[in-house]
Structure formats: C-alpha cells, structure tokens
C-alpha cells in the first residue's frame, strides 16, 4: 500500500473504531472501571478513585477547631495550605480507634479543595475492570449508602467503593461548597 492508500484506508476505518470505542464506553458507564486506592477502617476495606488522591502522609495531631463536628479532627498546615482533617471512622459512626504507626492521612483534591481523611491503614492501588465491580446494594432509609458507588471484587476479598467527592461535598460535612 502507498501512503495515500494508507491514509484513505485509515480514514475509512476511523469512524468504525471511534463508534466501537463509544459503544464500549457507553456500555461500561453503569459500572465504571479504574484504579482505586484501597484502605482499611476496622475490618472493612474501602476504595477511592486514585485520581482524587494527592498524597498519603503519616498521621500528625491536627489543630482542633471550635464547634466543628466530632469527625472533623481539626486542621493541619500542608506546605502553606490549611487542610481540614476528617476521621472516617467517626464519620461512619464506628468506634474511634487509637492512632498508631499504621494510621495515615490520605490527602485528597476534591472539587478544587484539599481535604485529608484519617484511615487505619492504606493497602495498595487496585485496578478493577468493569466486570469486577458490582452495583451497591439498596438499603432502607436507616443506612445512608448514597456515597457507595459499588462493590469491587479483588481475588478473595470485597472492597466498598466510595464516591469521595459526594461524601466530602455532602451538607453534613460542610467542607466543600457547591460540590
């Protein structure tokens, strides 16, 4: 094939390839695939979109803020940026844990705002295909599952996938306006 024929062949094939990619993307929209940072709270494993993670830091005691909800532990100065720190155990109504060497703060960039979340430990980054993600179960009004986007199956374990942007932007958090 000559260069002109290659270009003509590519131009003819391109719309089909683009259409196939769009069909694939549309079919997988209900079960998004991607990479998730997995972390533990108690015995449960959770996952958040790795693209929202700015950094992972060891826990250091924050400066307490008066009249803040109990789950907002306070703020830290991170290279000149004041970052609110949220204890996810307290946010989820779990009993508080003693902070130790494994306790970390995941610093997130959510809706153009930097927020830190305290978790028991960080496991790893997990890549999940669409078929590994199941729809979150529906609960009655007594359990708020609106922040759960799905359940990821990783080998012999399950990971609860969280929409961290919706969680941090929720009205009761009061951390991000107009999220």
N, C-alpha and C. Protein backbone atom coordinates (compact mmCIF):
# COMPACT_ATOMS: atom_id res chain seq x y z
N UNK A 1 0.84 -1.18 0.00
CA UNK A 1 0.00 0.00 0.00
C UNK A 1 0.88 1.24 0.00
N UNK A 2 0.48 2.23 -0.75
CA UNK A 2 1.19 3.51 -0.77
C UNK A 2 0.67 4.38 0.36
N UNK A 3 1.37 5.46 0.63
CA UNK A 3 1.00 6.36 1.71
C UNK A 3 -0.42 6.90 1.52
N UNK A 4 -0.78 7.25 0.29
CA UNK A 4 -2.12 7.77 0.02
C UNK A 4 -3.18 6.73 0.31
N UNK A 5 -2.91 5.47 -0.07
CA UNK A 5 -3.87 4.39 0.19
C UNK A 5 -4.00 4.14 1.69
N UNK A 6 -2.87 4.21 2.43
CA UNK A 6 -2.91 4.03 3.89
C UNK A 6 -3.78 5.09 4.55
N UNK A 7 -3.62 6.32 4.11
CA UNK A 7 -4.41 7.42 4.69
C UNK A 7 -5.89 7.21 4.39
N UNK A 8 -6.21 6.84 3.13
CA UNK A 8 -7.61 6.61 2.76
C UNK A 8 -8.19 5.44 3.55
N UNK A 9 -7.40 4.36 3.71
CA UNK A 9 -7.86 3.20 4.48
C UNK A 9 -8.10 3.60 5.94
N UNK A 10 -7.16 4.36 6.54
CA UNK A 10 -7.29 4.80 7.93
C UNK A 10 -8.50 5.69 8.11
N UNK A 11 -8.73 6.58 7.14
CA UNK A 11 -9.88 7.49 7.22
C UNK A 11 -11.19 6.71 7.16
N UNK A 12 -11.20 5.63 6.37
CA UNK A 12 -12.41 4.81 6.25
C UNK A 12 -12.66 3.98 7.50
N UNK A 13 -11.59 3.52 8.14
CA UNK A 13 -11.71 2.66 9.32
C UNK A 13 -11.96 3.47 10.59
N UNK A 14 -11.44 4.69 10.67
CA UNK A 14 -11.51 5.50 11.89
C UNK A 14 -12.92 5.66 12.44
N UNK A 15 -13.94 5.98 11.62
CA UNK A 15 -15.29 6.12 12.21
C UNK A 15 -15.78 4.85 12.88
N UNK A 16 -15.44 3.69 12.32
CA UNK A 16 -15.85 2.41 12.91
C UNK A 16 -15.16 2.21 14.25
N UNK A 17 -13.87 2.50 14.31
CA UNK A 17 -13.11 2.36 15.56
C UNK A 17 -13.66 3.29 16.61
N UNK A 18 -13.91 4.55 16.25
CA UNK A 18 -14.47 5.52 17.19
C UNK A 18 -15.85 5.06 17.67
N UNK A 19 -16.68 4.59 16.77
CA UNK A 19 -18.01 4.11 17.16
C UNK A 19 -17.91 2.94 18.13
N UNK A 20 -16.98 2.01 17.87
CA UNK A 20 -16.79 0.87 18.78
C UNK A 20 -16.34 1.33 20.16
N UNK A 21 -15.42 2.30 20.20
CA UNK A 21 -14.95 2.83 21.48
C UNK A 21 -16.09 3.51 22.23
N UNK A 22 -16.91 4.28 21.52
CA UNK A 22 -18.04 4.94 22.16
C UNK A 22 -19.06 3.93 22.68
N UNK A 23 -19.32 2.87 21.90
CA UNK A 23 -20.23 1.82 22.36
C UNK A 23 -19.70 1.16 23.61
N UNK A 24 -18.41 0.85 23.63
CA UNK A 24 -17.79 0.22 24.79
C UNK A 24 -17.89 1.14 25.99
N UNK A 25 -17.58 2.42 25.81
CA UNK A 25 -17.64 3.37 26.91
C UNK A 25 -19.06 3.52 27.43
N UNK A 26 -20.03 3.58 26.53
CA UNK A 26 -21.42 3.72 26.95
C UNK A 26 -21.89 2.50 27.71
N UNK A 27 -21.46 1.32 27.29
CA UNK A 27 -21.85 0.09 27.96
C UNK A 27 -21.24 -0.05 29.33
N UNK A 28 -20.08 0.55 29.55
CA UNK A 28 -19.41 0.40 30.84
C UNK A 28 -19.69 1.56 31.77
N UNK A 29 -20.52 2.53 31.35
CA UNK A 29 -20.78 3.68 32.20
C UNK A 29 -21.48 3.30 33.49
N UNK A 30 -22.34 2.30 33.47
CA UNK A 30 -23.06 1.93 34.67
C UNK A 30 -22.14 1.27 35.70
N UNK A 31 -21.05 0.68 35.24
CA UNK A 31 -20.08 0.07 36.14
C UNK A 31 -18.69 0.61 35.79
N UNK A 32 -18.32 1.76 36.34
CA UNK A 32 -17.05 2.36 35.96
C UNK A 32 -15.87 1.49 36.39
N UNK A 33 -14.89 1.42 35.54
CA UNK A 33 -13.67 0.69 35.87
C UNK A 33 -12.57 1.72 36.10
N UNK A 34 -11.57 1.35 36.82
CA UNK A 34 -10.48 2.28 37.07
C UNK A 34 -9.56 1.77 38.14
N UNK A 35 -8.72 2.69 38.63
CA UNK A 35 -7.78 2.37 39.69
C UNK A 35 -8.25 3.02 40.98
N UNK A 36 -8.17 2.26 42.06
CA UNK A 36 -8.66 2.70 43.35
C UNK A 36 -7.59 2.52 44.41
N UNK A 37 -7.46 3.52 45.29
CA UNK A 37 -6.59 3.38 46.45
C UNK A 37 -7.40 2.65 47.50
N UNK A 38 -6.90 1.51 47.96
CA UNK A 38 -7.64 0.76 48.98
C UNK A 38 -7.10 1.09 50.36
N UNK A 39 -8.02 1.20 51.31
CA UNK A 39 -7.65 1.49 52.69
C UNK A 39 -8.58 0.74 53.62
N UNK A 40 -8.17 0.64 54.86
CA UNK A 40 -8.95 -0.10 55.86
C UNK A 40 -9.49 0.84 56.92
N UNK A 41 -10.71 0.53 57.32
CA UNK A 41 -11.34 1.10 58.51
C UNK A 41 -11.87 -0.10 59.28
N UNK A 42 -11.26 -0.40 60.41
CA UNK A 42 -11.63 -1.61 61.13
C UNK A 42 -11.27 -2.81 60.29
N UNK A 43 -12.25 -3.72 60.11
CA UNK A 43 -12.01 -4.92 59.31
C UNK A 43 -12.47 -4.76 57.87
N UNK A 44 -13.03 -3.62 57.53
CA UNK A 44 -13.56 -3.40 56.19
C UNK A 44 -12.54 -2.71 55.30
N UNK A 45 -12.60 -3.06 54.01
CA UNK A 45 -11.71 -2.45 53.02
C UNK A 45 -12.53 -1.54 52.11
N UNK A 46 -12.03 -0.34 51.89
CA UNK A 46 -12.70 0.65 51.07
C UNK A 46 -11.78 1.06 49.93
N UNK A 47 -12.37 1.64 48.89
CA UNK A 47 -11.58 2.13 47.77
C UNK A 47 -12.08 3.48 47.30
N UNK A 48 -11.12 4.36 46.96
CA UNK A 48 -11.46 5.66 46.39
C UNK A 48 -10.68 5.84 45.10
N UNK A 49 -11.23 6.62 44.20
CA UNK A 49 -10.61 6.88 42.91
C UNK A 49 -9.21 7.45 43.12
N UNK A 50 -8.22 6.78 42.56
CA UNK A 50 -6.82 7.19 42.75
C UNK A 50 -6.58 8.59 42.19
N UNK A 51 -7.36 9.02 41.23
CA UNK A 51 -7.16 10.34 40.64
C UNK A 51 -7.52 11.47 41.60
N UNK A 52 -8.25 11.17 42.66
CA UNK A 52 -8.59 12.18 43.67
C UNK A 52 -7.51 12.30 44.75
N UNK A 53 -6.58 11.35 44.79
CA UNK A 53 -5.56 11.31 45.84
C UNK A 53 -4.38 12.20 45.46
N UNK A 54 -4.04 13.12 46.36
CA UNK A 54 -2.89 13.99 46.14
C UNK A 54 -1.64 13.39 46.77
N UNK A 55 -1.77 12.91 48.00
CA UNK A 55 -0.65 12.27 48.68
C UNK A 55 -1.14 11.50 49.90
N UNK A 56 -0.24 10.69 50.44
CA UNK A 56 -0.51 9.92 51.66
C UNK A 56 0.54 10.31 52.68
N UNK A 57 0.09 10.67 53.87
CA UNK A 57 1.01 11.14 54.92
C UNK A 57 0.77 10.36 56.22
N UNK A 58 1.79 10.31 57.04
CA UNK A 58 1.59 9.72 58.36
C UNK A 58 0.73 10.69 59.18
N UNK A 59 0.03 10.13 60.16
CA UNK A 59 -0.87 10.95 60.97
C UNK A 59 -0.08 11.84 61.91
N UNK A 60 -0.46 13.09 61.95
CA UNK A 60 0.06 14.02 62.96
C UNK A 60 -1.14 14.74 63.55
N UNK A 61 -1.09 15.00 64.84
CA UNK A 61 -2.24 15.60 65.51
C UNK A 61 -2.55 16.97 64.91
N UNK A 62 -3.81 17.16 64.49
CA UNK A 62 -4.19 18.45 63.90
C UNK A 62 -4.53 19.48 64.98
N UNK A 63 -4.63 20.72 64.59
CA UNK A 63 -5.09 21.79 65.46
C UNK A 63 -6.61 21.74 65.48
N UNK A 64 -7.17 21.61 66.66
CA UNK A 64 -8.62 21.45 66.82
C UNK A 64 -9.34 22.76 66.47
N UNK A 65 -10.50 22.65 65.87
CA UNK A 65 -11.33 23.80 65.51
C UNK A 65 -12.57 23.81 66.41
N UNK A 66 -12.84 24.94 67.04
CA UNK A 66 -14.00 25.06 67.93
C UNK A 66 -15.30 24.86 67.14
N UNK A 67 -16.26 24.20 67.76
CA UNK A 67 -17.60 23.98 67.22
C UNK A 67 -17.64 23.13 65.96
N UNK A 68 -16.55 22.45 65.64
CA UNK A 68 -16.55 21.55 64.47
C UNK A 68 -17.19 20.23 64.87
N UNK A 69 -17.82 19.54 63.93
CA UNK A 69 -18.36 18.21 64.24
C UNK A 69 -17.25 17.29 64.74
N UNK A 70 -17.61 16.27 65.51
CA UNK A 70 -16.61 15.37 66.11
C UNK A 70 -15.73 14.70 65.06
N UNK A 71 -16.30 14.40 63.88
CA UNK A 71 -15.50 13.71 62.86
C UNK A 71 -14.47 14.62 62.19
N UNK A 72 -14.61 15.94 62.34
CA UNK A 72 -13.58 16.86 61.84
C UNK A 72 -12.57 17.03 62.96
N UNK A 73 -11.43 16.37 62.82
CA UNK A 73 -10.42 16.35 63.88
C UNK A 73 -9.72 17.69 64.05
N UNK A 74 -9.72 18.51 63.01
CA UNK A 74 -9.06 19.80 63.06
C UNK A 74 -8.44 20.12 61.71
N UNK A 75 -7.36 20.91 61.74
CA UNK A 75 -6.68 21.30 60.50
C UNK A 75 -5.18 21.14 60.67
N UNK A 76 -4.50 20.94 59.54
CA UNK A 76 -3.03 20.92 59.51
C UNK A 76 -2.58 21.89 58.42
N UNK A 77 -1.35 22.36 58.58
CA UNK A 77 -0.74 23.23 57.58
C UNK A 77 0.11 22.36 56.67
N UNK A 78 -0.30 22.23 55.43
CA UNK A 78 0.40 21.39 54.47
C UNK A 78 1.03 22.30 53.42
N UNK A 79 2.30 22.61 53.61
CA UNK A 79 3.03 23.49 52.70
C UNK A 79 2.28 24.79 52.43
N UNK A 80 1.80 25.42 53.50
CA UNK A 80 1.13 26.70 53.38
C UNK A 80 -0.36 26.63 53.11
N UNK A 81 -0.90 25.44 52.94
CA UNK A 81 -2.34 25.26 52.71
C UNK A 81 -2.96 24.68 53.98
N UNK A 82 -4.02 25.31 54.48
CA UNK A 82 -4.72 24.81 55.66
C UNK A 82 -5.68 23.72 55.20
N UNK A 83 -5.47 22.51 55.73
CA UNK A 83 -6.21 21.33 55.27
C UNK A 83 -7.07 20.78 56.41
N UNK A 84 -8.41 20.72 56.23
CA UNK A 84 -9.26 20.07 57.24
C UNK A 84 -9.01 18.56 57.23
N UNK A 85 -9.03 17.97 58.43
CA UNK A 85 -8.78 16.54 58.59
C UNK A 85 -10.04 15.88 59.13
N UNK A 86 -10.54 14.88 58.38
CA UNK A 86 -11.77 14.17 58.75
C UNK A 86 -11.41 12.75 59.15
N UNK A 87 -11.88 12.31 60.33
CA UNK A 87 -11.68 10.93 60.77
C UNK A 87 -12.83 10.10 60.19
N UNK A 88 -12.50 9.23 59.25
CA UNK A 88 -13.54 8.45 58.57
C UNK A 88 -14.24 7.47 59.50
N UNK A 89 -13.56 6.99 60.53
CA UNK A 89 -14.22 6.09 61.49
C UNK A 89 -15.38 6.82 62.17
N UNK A 90 -15.10 8.05 62.61
CA UNK A 90 -16.14 8.82 63.29
C UNK A 90 -17.23 9.24 62.31
N UNK A 91 -16.86 9.56 61.09
CA UNK A 91 -17.85 9.95 60.07
C UNK A 91 -18.82 8.80 59.81
N UNK A 92 -18.31 7.57 59.78
CA UNK A 92 -19.15 6.40 59.52
C UNK A 92 -19.79 5.83 60.78
N UNK A 93 -19.63 6.49 61.92
CA UNK A 93 -20.27 6.03 63.14
C UNK A 93 -19.61 4.81 63.76
N UNK A 94 -18.37 4.55 63.41
CA UNK A 94 -17.63 3.43 64.00
C UNK A 94 -17.01 3.91 65.32
N UNK A 95 -16.63 2.96 66.15
CA UNK A 95 -15.95 3.39 67.37
C UNK A 95 -14.57 3.91 67.00
N UNK A 96 -14.14 4.91 67.75
CA UNK A 96 -12.84 5.52 67.43
C UNK A 96 -11.72 4.54 67.74
N UNK A 97 -10.66 4.65 67.00
CA UNK A 97 -9.50 3.78 67.18
C UNK A 97 -8.34 4.60 67.73
N UNK A 98 -7.45 3.90 68.36
CA UNK A 98 -6.24 4.56 68.83
C UNK A 98 -5.33 4.76 67.62
N UNK A 99 -4.83 5.96 67.45
CA UNK A 99 -3.94 6.23 66.33
C UNK A 99 -2.59 5.57 66.60
N UNK A 100 -2.05 4.90 65.57
CA UNK A 100 -0.76 4.22 65.72
C UNK A 100 0.12 4.49 64.50
N UNK A 101 1.19 3.72 64.36
CA UNK A 101 2.13 3.92 63.26
C UNK A 101 1.52 3.62 61.89
N UNK A 102 0.43 2.84 61.86
CA UNK A 102 -0.21 2.49 60.59
C UNK A 102 -1.27 3.52 60.18
N UNK A 103 -1.70 4.35 61.13
CA UNK A 103 -2.72 5.36 60.85
C UNK A 103 -2.14 6.38 59.87
N UNK A 104 -2.89 6.65 58.82
CA UNK A 104 -2.41 7.60 57.81
C UNK A 104 -3.50 8.60 57.46
N UNK A 105 -3.07 9.68 56.84
CA UNK A 105 -3.97 10.68 56.30
C UNK A 105 -3.84 10.64 54.79
N UNK A 106 -4.96 10.41 54.12
CA UNK A 106 -4.98 10.46 52.66
C UNK A 106 -5.40 11.89 52.30
N UNK A 107 -4.51 12.60 51.65
CA UNK A 107 -4.80 13.97 51.24
C UNK A 107 -5.45 13.92 49.86
N UNK A 108 -6.64 14.50 49.77
CA UNK A 108 -7.45 14.44 48.55
C UNK A 108 -7.61 15.81 47.93
N UNK A 109 -7.72 15.84 46.63
CA UNK A 109 -8.05 17.06 45.91
C UNK A 109 -9.46 16.85 45.37
N UNK A 110 -10.43 17.44 46.06
CA UNK A 110 -11.84 17.22 45.75
C UNK A 110 -12.50 18.56 45.47
N UNK A 111 -13.06 18.71 44.28
CA UNK A 111 -13.76 19.93 43.90
C UNK A 111 -12.91 21.17 44.17
N UNK A 112 -11.66 21.10 43.76
CA UNK A 112 -10.69 22.20 43.90
C UNK A 112 -10.44 22.57 45.35
N UNK A 113 -10.61 21.62 46.24
CA UNK A 113 -10.37 21.83 47.67
C UNK A 113 -9.52 20.68 48.18
N UNK A 114 -8.58 20.97 49.05
CA UNK A 114 -7.72 19.94 49.63
C UNK A 114 -8.31 19.53 50.98
N UNK A 115 -8.52 18.23 51.16
CA UNK A 115 -9.10 17.67 52.39
C UNK A 115 -8.32 16.41 52.74
N UNK A 116 -8.07 16.20 54.04
CA UNK A 116 -7.40 14.98 54.48
C UNK A 116 -8.38 14.07 55.19
N UNK A 117 -8.26 12.76 54.94
CA UNK A 117 -9.10 11.80 55.67
C UNK A 117 -8.19 10.84 56.44
N UNK A 118 -8.54 10.59 57.69
CA UNK A 118 -7.78 9.68 58.55
C UNK A 118 -8.35 8.28 58.36
N UNK A 119 -7.47 7.32 58.05
CA UNK A 119 -7.87 5.92 57.89
C UNK A 119 -6.91 5.05 58.70
N UNK A 120 -7.33 3.82 58.98
CA UNK A 120 -6.50 2.92 59.79
C UNK A 120 -5.20 2.54 59.09
N UNK A 121 -5.29 2.25 57.80
CA UNK A 121 -4.10 1.89 57.02
C UNK A 121 -4.44 1.96 55.54
N UNK A 122 -3.41 2.11 54.73
CA UNK A 122 -3.56 2.08 53.27
C UNK A 122 -2.99 0.76 52.79
N UNK A 123 -3.73 0.09 51.91
CA UNK A 123 -3.28 -1.21 51.41
C UNK A 123 -2.47 -1.05 50.14
N UNK A 124 -3.14 -0.75 49.02
CA UNK A 124 -2.45 -0.63 47.75
C UNK A 124 -3.36 0.02 46.73
N UNK A 125 -2.85 0.16 45.51
CA UNK A 125 -3.66 0.65 44.40
C UNK A 125 -4.15 -0.57 43.64
N UNK A 126 -5.47 -0.64 43.44
CA UNK A 126 -6.09 -1.79 42.80
C UNK A 126 -6.74 -1.35 41.50
N UNK A 127 -6.41 -2.03 40.41
CA UNK A 127 -7.06 -1.79 39.12
C UNK A 127 -8.24 -2.75 39.01
N UNK A 128 -9.42 -2.20 38.79
CA UNK A 128 -10.63 -3.02 38.66
C UNK A 128 -11.21 -2.86 37.26
N UNK A 129 -11.52 -3.98 36.64
CA UNK A 129 -12.24 -3.98 35.37
C UNK A 129 -13.72 -3.85 35.67
N UNK A 130 -14.48 -3.45 34.68
CA UNK A 130 -15.92 -3.23 34.87
C UNK A 130 -16.63 -4.46 35.42
N UNK A 131 -16.22 -5.66 34.97
CA UNK A 131 -16.90 -6.88 35.44
C UNK A 131 -16.55 -7.23 36.89
N UNK A 132 -15.54 -6.57 37.47
CA UNK A 132 -15.18 -6.80 38.87
C UNK A 132 -15.96 -5.89 39.81
N UNK A 133 -16.73 -4.97 39.26
CA UNK A 133 -17.47 -4.02 40.08
C UNK A 133 -18.96 -4.34 40.00
N UNK A 134 -19.54 -4.60 41.15
CA UNK A 134 -20.97 -4.91 41.24
C UNK A 134 -21.70 -3.69 41.79
N UNK A 135 -22.96 -3.57 41.44
CA UNK A 135 -23.77 -2.46 41.91
C UNK A 135 -23.91 -2.54 43.43
N UNK A 136 -23.89 -1.37 44.06
CA UNK A 136 -24.07 -1.32 45.52
C UNK A 136 -25.47 -1.78 45.87
N UNK A 137 -25.62 -2.53 46.95
CA UNK A 137 -26.96 -2.97 47.35
C UNK A 137 -27.80 -1.79 47.80
N UNK A 138 -29.10 -1.92 47.65
CA UNK A 138 -30.01 -0.87 48.10
C UNK A 138 -30.39 -1.15 49.54
N UNK A 139 -30.36 -0.09 50.34
CA UNK A 139 -30.72 -0.20 51.74
C UNK A 139 -31.93 0.68 52.00
N UNK A 140 -32.56 0.46 53.15
CA UNK A 140 -33.67 1.34 53.52
C UNK A 140 -33.09 2.67 54.01
N UNK A 141 -33.94 3.56 54.44
CA UNK A 141 -33.51 4.90 54.83
C UNK A 141 -32.63 4.93 56.07
N UNK A 142 -32.56 3.85 56.83
CA UNK A 142 -31.75 3.86 58.05
C UNK A 142 -30.26 3.80 57.76
N UNK A 143 -29.88 3.37 56.55
CA UNK A 143 -28.47 3.29 56.16
C UNK A 143 -28.26 4.21 54.97
N UNK A 144 -27.35 5.18 55.12
CA UNK A 144 -27.05 6.09 54.02
C UNK A 144 -25.97 5.47 53.14
N UNK A 145 -26.38 4.92 52.02
CA UNK A 145 -25.44 4.29 51.09
C UNK A 145 -25.25 5.13 49.84
N UNK A 146 -25.64 6.40 49.91
CA UNK A 146 -25.56 7.25 48.72
C UNK A 146 -24.11 7.50 48.29
N UNK A 147 -23.16 7.29 49.17
CA UNK A 147 -21.75 7.52 48.83
C UNK A 147 -21.08 6.26 48.31
N UNK A 148 -21.78 5.15 48.31
CA UNK A 148 -21.21 3.89 47.83
C UNK A 148 -21.53 3.75 46.35
N UNK A 149 -20.48 3.67 45.53
CA UNK A 149 -20.69 3.56 44.08
C UNK A 149 -20.74 2.12 43.61
N UNK A 150 -20.22 1.21 44.41
CA UNK A 150 -20.23 -0.19 44.02
C UNK A 150 -19.40 -1.02 44.97
N UNK A 151 -19.35 -2.31 44.69
CA UNK A 151 -18.55 -3.25 45.47
C UNK A 151 -17.57 -3.90 44.50
N UNK A 152 -16.28 -3.72 44.77
CA UNK A 152 -15.26 -4.30 43.91
C UNK A 152 -14.83 -5.66 44.43
N UNK A 153 -14.70 -6.62 43.52
CA UNK A 153 -14.22 -7.96 43.88
C UNK A 153 -12.75 -8.07 43.48
N UNK A 154 -11.90 -8.29 44.47
CA UNK A 154 -10.47 -8.40 44.24
C UNK A 154 -10.02 -9.73 44.82
N UNK A 155 -9.73 -10.69 43.97
CA UNK A 155 -9.35 -12.05 44.38
C UNK A 155 -10.38 -12.58 45.36
N UNK A 156 -10.01 -12.79 46.62
CA UNK A 156 -10.94 -13.37 47.59
C UNK A 156 -11.51 -12.33 48.56
N UNK A 157 -11.44 -11.06 48.20
CA UNK A 157 -11.93 -10.03 49.12
C UNK A 157 -12.84 -9.05 48.38
N UNK A 158 -13.63 -8.32 49.18
CA UNK A 158 -14.52 -7.30 48.63
C UNK A 158 -14.07 -5.93 49.12
N UNK A 159 -14.21 -4.94 48.25
CA UNK A 159 -13.82 -3.57 48.58
C UNK A 159 -15.01 -2.66 48.31
N UNK A 160 -15.39 -1.87 49.30
CA UNK A 160 -16.50 -0.94 49.17
C UNK A 160 -15.97 0.32 48.48
N UNK A 161 -16.52 0.63 47.30
CA UNK A 161 -16.05 1.77 46.52
C UNK A 161 -16.86 3.00 46.89
N UNK A 162 -16.15 4.07 47.24
CA UNK A 162 -16.77 5.29 47.75
C UNK A 162 -16.64 6.42 46.74
N UNK A 163 -17.73 7.17 46.56
CA UNK A 163 -17.67 8.41 45.79
C UNK A 163 -17.22 9.49 46.77
N UNK A 164 -15.93 9.67 46.86
CA UNK A 164 -15.36 10.57 47.87
C UNK A 164 -15.79 12.01 47.63
N UNK A 165 -16.00 12.38 46.38
CA UNK A 165 -16.42 13.75 46.08
C UNK A 165 -17.82 14.01 46.64
N UNK A 166 -18.73 13.06 46.50
CA UNK A 166 -20.08 13.21 47.05
C UNK A 166 -20.04 13.22 48.58
N UNK A 167 -19.19 12.39 49.16
CA UNK A 167 -19.08 12.33 50.62
C UNK A 167 -18.53 13.63 51.19
N UNK A 168 -17.42 14.09 50.65
CA UNK A 168 -16.80 15.32 51.15
C UNK A 168 -17.68 16.53 50.86
N UNK A 169 -18.41 16.50 49.77
CA UNK A 169 -19.27 17.62 49.40
C UNK A 169 -20.64 17.61 50.05
N UNK A 170 -20.93 16.58 50.86
CA UNK A 170 -22.26 16.49 51.48
C UNK A 170 -22.48 17.63 52.48
N UNK A 171 -23.73 17.97 52.66
CA UNK A 171 -24.09 19.10 53.52
C UNK A 171 -23.62 18.91 54.96
N UNK A 172 -23.69 17.68 55.48
CA UNK A 172 -23.29 17.47 56.88
C UNK A 172 -21.79 17.61 57.07
N UNK A 173 -21.02 17.45 56.00
CA UNK A 173 -19.57 17.64 56.11
C UNK A 173 -19.24 19.13 56.13
N UNK A 174 -19.92 19.90 55.30
CA UNK A 174 -19.69 21.35 55.28
C UNK A 174 -18.29 21.74 54.86
N UNK A 175 -17.61 20.89 54.09
CA UNK A 175 -16.22 21.17 53.73
C UNK A 175 -16.05 21.75 52.34
N UNK A 176 -16.97 21.44 51.44
CA UNK A 176 -16.85 21.91 50.06
C UNK A 176 -18.18 22.53 49.66
N UNK A 177 -18.15 23.76 49.25
CA UNK A 177 -19.37 24.43 48.81
C UNK A 177 -19.60 24.14 47.34
N UNK A 178 -20.85 23.99 46.97
CA UNK A 178 -21.23 23.78 45.56
C UNK A 178 -20.51 22.63 44.91
N UNK A 179 -20.44 21.48 45.56
CA UNK A 179 -19.77 20.32 45.01
C UNK A 179 -20.61 19.62 44.08
